[in-house]
């Protein structure tokens, strides 16, 4: 009976250690308590720029250089730079306990960078100054990351 207790104790510590080490500080998760209404409130207040766009491991941030994005209350999304305006739509909804932001520029942009960000994005983090989104491709499981920063 004395050998069972040390084995149980070792097993307990091994299980606890694996639980603690499986959660990395680098993991980005949805901000605690964040819901779709809060995301809408954050996103419609200001104008945003793309500060990072990584598509399947390739940095495409420069594709959006100079563009300012406005998320309007009527669910229209406008990207403008000094020479062009791109019109799309957006929303913020709850799905499986996460906040989803579908972005769609495809009615007017069928190729190029604005078409590439036309997807269902999930909010990883959101604050008054930055919103980080993640999309997982249904085709190959690749990860896309899109970060908007308040201008």
Protein backbone atom coordinates (compact mmCIF):
# COMPACT_ATOMS: atom_id res chain seq x y z
CA UNK A 1 0.00 0.00 0.00
CA UNK A 2 2.89 2.35 0.60
CA UNK A 3 3.98 2.13 -3.05
CA UNK A 4 0.58 3.17 -4.39
CA UNK A 5 0.66 6.56 -2.67
CA UNK A 6 4.03 7.65 -4.19
CA UNK A 7 2.91 6.43 -7.63
CA UNK A 8 -0.37 8.34 -7.33
CA UNK A 9 1.50 11.44 -6.20
CA UNK A 10 3.93 11.24 -9.11
CA UNK A 11 1.05 10.66 -11.55
CA UNK A 12 -0.81 13.66 -10.14
CA UNK A 13 2.22 15.95 -10.58
CA UNK A 14 2.87 14.69 -14.10
CA UNK A 15 -0.74 15.38 -15.09
CA UNK A 16 -0.69 18.84 -13.52
CA UNK A 17 2.64 19.67 -15.18
CA UNK A 18 1.32 18.69 -18.61
CA UNK A 19 -1.78 20.83 -18.09
CA UNK A 20 0.27 23.87 -17.08
CA UNK A 21 2.88 23.56 -19.83
CA UNK A 22 0.31 23.04 -22.59
CA UNK A 23 -0.87 26.63 -22.17
CA UNK A 24 1.69 29.04 -23.54
CA UNK A 25 1.80 32.75 -22.79
CA UNK A 26 2.18 33.19 -26.55
CA UNK A 27 -1.26 31.69 -27.22
CA UNK A 28 -3.65 34.42 -28.26
CA UNK A 29 -7.17 33.82 -27.05
CA UNK A 30 -10.34 35.85 -27.15
CA UNK A 31 -10.27 38.53 -24.51
CA UNK A 32 -12.15 37.27 -21.45
CA UNK A 33 -15.81 38.19 -21.51
CA UNK A 34 -15.62 39.81 -24.95
CA UNK A 35 -18.84 39.51 -26.93
CA UNK A 36 -20.02 40.54 -30.40
CA UNK A 37 -21.70 43.72 -29.15
CA UNK A 38 -18.48 44.86 -27.46
CA UNK A 39 -16.45 44.18 -30.60
CA UNK A 40 -18.93 46.21 -32.66
CA UNK A 41 -18.65 49.10 -30.21
CA UNK A 42 -14.85 49.02 -30.41
CA UNK A 43 -14.58 48.69 -34.18
CA UNK A 44 -17.06 51.36 -35.29
CA UNK A 45 -15.60 54.16 -33.17
CA UNK A 46 -12.42 54.80 -35.13
CA UNK A 47 -10.55 54.40 -38.39
CA UNK A 48 -8.16 51.46 -38.67
CA UNK A 49 -5.15 50.39 -40.69
CA UNK A 50 -3.79 46.91 -41.38
CA UNK A 51 -0.69 46.65 -39.20
CA UNK A 52 -0.14 42.97 -39.98
CA UNK A 53 -1.51 40.51 -42.51
CA UNK A 54 -0.01 37.04 -42.69
CA UNK A 55 -1.54 34.63 -45.20
CA UNK A 56 -0.41 31.04 -44.61
CA UNK A 57 2.96 32.20 -43.29
CA UNK A 58 3.59 34.86 -45.93
CA UNK A 59 3.57 38.53 -44.89
CA UNK A 60 1.21 40.59 -47.09
CA UNK A 61 0.96 43.63 -44.83
CA UNK A 62 2.36 45.93 -47.52
CA UNK A 63 -0.62 45.11 -49.79
CA UNK A 64 -2.68 47.41 -47.56
CA UNK A 65 -0.12 50.18 -47.08
CA UNK A 66 -1.81 53.58 -47.09
CA UNK A 67 -5.35 52.20 -46.70
CA UNK A 68 -7.63 53.41 -43.92
CA UNK A 69 -10.56 51.18 -43.00
CA UNK A 70 -13.89 52.36 -41.63
CA UNK A 71 -16.34 49.82 -40.18
CA UNK A 72 -19.73 51.51 -40.34
CA UNK A 73 -22.81 50.87 -38.20
CA UNK A 74 -24.79 49.87 -41.31
CA UNK A 75 -22.31 46.96 -41.70
CA UNK A 76 -20.54 48.50 -44.69
CA UNK A 77 -16.76 48.48 -44.69
CA UNK A 78 -14.75 51.02 -46.66
CA UNK A 79 -11.04 50.89 -47.39
CA UNK A 80 -9.59 54.10 -48.83
CA UNK A 81 -6.19 55.38 -49.85
CA UNK A 82 -5.19 58.47 -51.82
CA UNK A 83 -6.31 57.00 -55.15
CA UNK A 84 -8.88 54.24 -54.52
CA UNK A 85 -11.92 53.29 -52.49
CA UNK A 86 -12.80 49.65 -51.82
CA UNK A 87 -16.33 48.85 -50.61
CA UNK A 88 -17.29 45.78 -48.65
CA UNK A 89 -19.38 44.50 -45.77
CA UNK A 90 -18.71 43.25 -42.25
CA UNK A 91 -20.52 42.12 -39.13
CA UNK A 92 -19.70 40.79 -35.67
CA UNK A 93 -21.58 37.72 -34.51
CA UNK A 94 -21.19 34.98 -31.92
CA UNK A 95 -20.30 31.50 -33.11
CA UNK A 96 -19.35 28.59 -30.87
CA UNK A 97 -18.41 30.91 -28.02
CA UNK A 98 -16.19 33.08 -30.24
CA UNK A 99 -16.74 36.41 -31.95
CA UNK A 100 -16.76 36.05 -35.74
CA UNK A 101 -16.22 38.94 -38.14
CA UNK A 102 -17.10 38.06 -41.72
CA UNK A 103 -15.40 40.52 -44.09
CA UNK A 104 -16.55 40.59 -47.71
CA UNK A 105 -15.10 42.71 -50.49
CA UNK A 106 -15.80 40.09 -53.19
CA UNK A 107 -18.80 41.77 -54.84
CA UNK A 108 -16.38 44.40 -56.16
CA UNK A 109 -12.95 42.79 -55.64
CA UNK A 110 -12.74 39.34 -57.22
CA UNK A 111 -8.93 39.15 -57.19
CA UNK A 112 -6.08 40.72 -55.26
CA UNK A 113 -5.52 41.59 -51.62
CA UNK A 114 -9.06 42.72 -50.81
CA UNK A 115 -10.42 39.43 -52.11
CA UNK A 116 -7.86 37.58 -49.98
CA UNK A 117 -9.14 39.14 -46.73
CA UNK A 118 -12.76 38.39 -47.69
CA UNK A 119 -13.31 35.58 -45.21
CA UNK A 120 -14.79 34.64 -41.87
CA UNK A 121 -12.38 35.86 -39.20
CA UNK A 122 -12.42 35.07 -35.50
CA UNK A 123 -11.43 37.69 -32.93
CA UNK A 124 -8.32 36.64 -31.04
CA UNK A 125 -7.82 39.88 -29.11
CA UNK A 126 -9.54 43.24 -29.17
CA UNK A 127 -8.86 46.53 -27.48
CA UNK A 128 -9.56 50.17 -28.22
CA UNK A 129 -6.29 50.34 -30.19
CA UNK A 130 -5.87 46.93 -31.85
CA UNK A 131 -7.95 44.01 -33.10
CA UNK A 132 -6.28 40.72 -34.01
CA UNK A 133 -8.20 38.25 -36.19
CA UNK A 134 -7.56 34.66 -37.24
CA UNK A 135 -8.86 32.60 -40.15
CA UNK A 136 -8.26 28.89 -40.66
CA UNK A 137 -8.52 27.75 -44.26
CA UNK A 138 -11.07 25.03 -44.90
CA UNK A 139 -9.01 23.85 -47.87
CA UNK A 140 -5.63 23.13 -46.33
CA UNK A 141 -5.90 24.19 -42.66
CA UNK A 142 -3.44 27.05 -43.11
CA UNK A 143 -3.68 29.97 -40.69
CA UNK A 144 -4.14 33.61 -41.73
CA UNK A 145 -3.66 36.44 -39.22
CA UNK A 146 -4.99 39.95 -39.71
CA UNK A 147 -4.39 42.82 -37.29
CA UNK A 148 -6.10 46.19 -37.47
CA UNK A 149 -4.56 49.07 -35.54
CA UNK A 150 -6.34 52.31 -34.72
CA UNK A 151 -5.04 55.25 -36.75
